[in-house]
Amino acid sequence: MASDRTELRALRNLISEAELTIATAELPQGRGLRALELLRSALALTDDLIGQTKLAPAVMMGRKGGASIAKRGPEYFRQLAAKRKTRAGGRPRKQK
């Protein structure tokens, strides 16, 4: 998702540059005004999209995702591996 946000920012920069170029140029028959209006609308849309992009839950967790799994400890993973070897798979029962 980070690349999507980067791509949206690149698109916003391109639109902003086009807006600046048209704002400084003189076009006949009011075409420049209409182009500026459209580019400003496009800028507003890209700003909204940049603000709306949702990150995947794993990305939001960041390093904590691995840390919470690591809390289970090596013994938990040894038990899982042993169950795979004996074909007695599934989650281990909770210890009371």
C-alpha atoms as a PDB file:
ATOM      1  CA  MET A   1       0.000   0.000   0.000  1.00  0.00           C
ATOM      2  CA  ALA A   2       2.910   2.298   0.567  1.00  0.00           C
ATOM      3  CA  SER A   3       3.607   2.288  -3.148  1.00  0.00           C
ATOM      4  CA  ASP A   4      -0.003   3.347  -3.796  1.00  0.00           C
ATOM      5  CA  ARG A   5       0.459   6.341  -1.539  1.00  0.00           C
ATOM      6  CA  THR A   6       3.735   7.172  -3.277  1.00  0.00           C
ATOM      7  CA  GLU A   7       2.061   6.920  -6.660  1.00  0.00           C
ATOM      8  CA  LEU A   8      -0.762   9.201  -5.529  1.00  0.00           C
ATOM      9  CA  ARG A   9       1.734  11.766  -4.273  1.00  0.00           C
ATOM     10  CA  ALA A  10       3.576  11.605  -7.600  1.00  0.00           C
ATOM     11  CA  LEU A  11       0.273  12.126  -9.424  1.00  0.00           C
ATOM     12  CA  ARG A  12      -0.515  15.072  -7.168  1.00  0.00           C
ATOM     13  CA  ASN A  13       2.879  16.615  -7.912  1.00  0.00           C
ATOM     14  CA  LEU A  14       2.298  16.248 -11.664  1.00  0.00           C
ATOM     15  CA  ILE A  15      -1.126  17.854 -11.456  1.00  0.00           C
ATOM     16  CA  SER A  16       0.259  20.655  -9.313  1.00  0.00           C
ATOM     17  CA  GLU A  17       3.014  21.313 -11.825  1.00  0.00           C
ATOM     18  CA  ALA A  18       0.506  21.369 -14.690  1.00  0.00           C
ATOM     19  CA  GLU A  19      -1.655  23.810 -12.723  1.00  0.00           C
ATOM     20  CA  LEU A  20       1.320  26.111 -12.195  1.00  0.00           C
ATOM     21  CA  THR A  21       2.216  25.939 -15.883  1.00  0.00           C
ATOM     22  CA  ILE A  22      -1.301  26.800 -17.047  1.00  0.00           C
ATOM     23  CA  ALA A  23      -1.693  29.532 -14.426  1.00  0.00           C
ATOM     24  CA  THR A  24       1.330  31.355 -15.861  1.00  0.00           C
ATOM     25  CA  ALA A  25       0.348  30.867 -19.526  1.00  0.00           C
ATOM     26  CA  GLU A  26      -2.184  32.993 -21.383  1.00  0.00           C
ATOM     27  CA  LEU A  27      -4.643  30.867 -23.346  1.00  0.00           C
ATOM     28  CA  PRO A  28      -7.332  32.289 -25.654  1.00  0.00           C
ATOM     29  CA  GLN A  29     -11.096  32.190 -25.037  1.00  0.00           C
ATOM     30  CA  GLY A  30     -10.897  31.500 -21.310  1.00  0.00           C
ATOM     31  CA  ARG A  31      -9.531  28.013 -21.812  1.00  0.00           C
ATOM     32  CA  GLY A  32      -6.908  28.582 -19.158  1.00  0.00           C
ATOM     33  CA  LEU A  33      -9.544  29.305 -16.527  1.00  0.00           C
ATOM     34  CA  ARG A  34     -11.409  26.102 -17.293  1.00  0.00           C
ATOM     35  CA  ALA A  35      -8.167  24.097 -17.276  1.00  0.00           C
ATOM     36  CA  LEU A  36      -7.241  25.599 -13.903  1.00  0.00           C
ATOM     37  CA  GLU A  37     -10.669  24.717 -12.534  1.00  0.00           C
ATOM     38  CA  LEU A  38     -10.306  21.117 -13.683  1.00  0.00           C
ATOM     39  CA  LEU A  39      -6.766  20.800 -12.338  1.00  0.00           C
ATOM     40  CA  ARG A  40      -7.786  22.195  -8.964  1.00  0.00           C
ATOM     41  CA  SER A  41     -10.595  19.651  -8.818  1.00  0.00           C
ATOM     42  CA  ALA A  42      -8.106  16.910  -9.655  1.00  0.00           C
ATOM     43  CA  LEU A  43      -5.809  18.170  -6.877  1.00  0.00           C
ATOM     44  CA  ALA A  44      -8.671  18.050  -4.390  1.00  0.00           C
ATOM     45  CA  LEU A  45      -9.508  14.485  -5.440  1.00  0.00           C
ATOM     46  CA  THR A  46      -5.917  13.280  -5.128  1.00  0.00           C
ATOM     47  CA  ASP A  47      -5.590  14.925  -1.705  1.00  0.00           C
ATOM     48  CA  ASP A  48      -8.743  13.119  -0.638  1.00  0.00           C
ATOM     49  CA  LEU A  49      -7.456   9.787  -1.990  1.00  0.00           C
ATOM     50  CA  ILE A  50      -4.129  10.232  -0.220  1.00  0.00           C
ATOM     51  CA  GLY A  51      -5.989  10.819   3.030  1.00  0.00           C
ATOM     52  CA  GLN A  52      -8.267   7.819   2.512  1.00  0.00           C
ATOM     53  CA  THR A  53      -5.728   5.141   1.640  1.00  0.00           C
ATOM     54  CA  LYS A  54      -6.044   2.414   4.218  1.00  0.00           C
ATOM     55  CA  LEU A  55      -3.077   0.386   5.246  1.00  0.00           C
ATOM     56  CA  ALA A  56      -3.221  -3.357   5.554  1.00  0.00           C
ATOM     57  CA  PRO A  57      -3.604  -4.509   9.164  1.00  0.00           C
ATOM     58  CA  ALA A  58      -0.173  -6.116   9.145  1.00  0.00           C
ATOM     59  CA  VAL A  59       1.409  -2.881   7.968  1.00  0.00           C
ATOM     60  CA  MET A  60      -0.400  -0.933  10.676  1.00  0.00           C
ATOM     61  CA  MET A  61       0.898  -3.331  13.327  1.00  0.00           C
ATOM     62  CA  GLY A  62       4.427  -2.936  12.065  1.00  0.00           C
ATOM     63  CA  ARG A  63       6.966  -4.595  14.315  1.00  0.00           C
ATOM     64  CA  LYS A  64       4.347  -5.427  16.925  1.00  0.00           C
ATOM     65  CA  GLY A  65       2.915  -8.172  14.730  1.00  0.00           C
ATOM     66  CA  GLY A  66       6.019 -10.286  15.083  1.00  0.00           C
ATOM     67  CA  ALA A  67       6.460  -9.357  18.731  1.00  0.00           C
ATOM     68  CA  SER A  68       3.023 -10.611  19.739  1.00  0.00           C
ATOM     69  CA  ILE A  69       3.658 -13.968  18.073  1.00  0.00           C
ATOM     70  CA  ALA A  70       7.081 -14.188  19.688  1.00  0.00           C
ATOM     71  CA  LYS A  71       5.459 -13.919  23.136  1.00  0.00           C
ATOM     72  CA  ARG A  72       4.204 -17.463  22.701  1.00  0.00           C
ATOM     73  CA  GLY A  73       7.748 -18.651  23.116  1.00  0.00           C
ATOM     74  CA  PRO A  74       9.830 -21.370  21.524  1.00  0.00           C
ATOM     75  CA  GLU A  75       8.067 -24.172  23.391  1.00  0.00           C
ATOM     76  CA  TYR A  76       4.786 -23.367  21.607  1.00  0.00           C
ATOM     77  CA  PHE A  77       6.430 -23.750  18.224  1.00  0.00           C
ATOM     78  CA  ARG A  78       8.179 -26.958  19.281  1.00  0.00           C
ATOM     79  CA  GLN A  79       4.795 -28.410  20.189  1.00  0.00           C
ATOM     80  CA  LEU A  80       3.373 -27.408  16.825  1.00  0.00           C
ATOM     81  CA  ALA A  81       6.307 -28.975  15.006  1.00  0.00           C
ATOM     82  CA  ALA A  82       5.932 -32.183  17.030  1.00  0.00           C
ATOM     83  CA  LYS A  83       2.249 -32.393  16.165  1.00  0.00           C
ATOM     84  CA  ARG A  84       3.047 -31.991  12.498  1.00  0.00           C
ATOM     85  CA  LYS A  85       5.480 -34.884  12.697  1.00  0.00           C
ATOM     86  CA  THR A  86       2.941 -37.190  14.342  1.00  0.00           C
ATOM     87  CA  ARG A  87       0.135 -35.950  12.064  1.00  0.00           C
ATOM     88  CA  ALA A  88      -1.825 -34.802  15.089  1.00  0.00           C
ATOM     89  CA  GLY A  89      -2.259 -31.281  13.767  1.00  0.00           C
ATOM     90  CA  GLY A  90      -4.523 -28.543  14.931  1.00  0.00           C
ATOM     91  CA  ARG A  91      -4.244 -25.937  17.582  1.00  0.00           C
ATOM     92  CA  PRO A  92      -3.033 -27.086  20.946  1.00  0.00           C
ATOM     93  CA  ARG A  93      -5.583 -26.985  23.758  1.00  0.00           C
ATOM     94  CA  LYS A  94      -5.367 -24.081  26.133  1.00  0.00           C
ATOM     95  CA  GLN A  95      -3.490 -24.790  29.324  1.00  0.00           C
ATOM     96  CA  LYS A  96      -5.452 -23.789  32.437  1.00  0.00           C
END
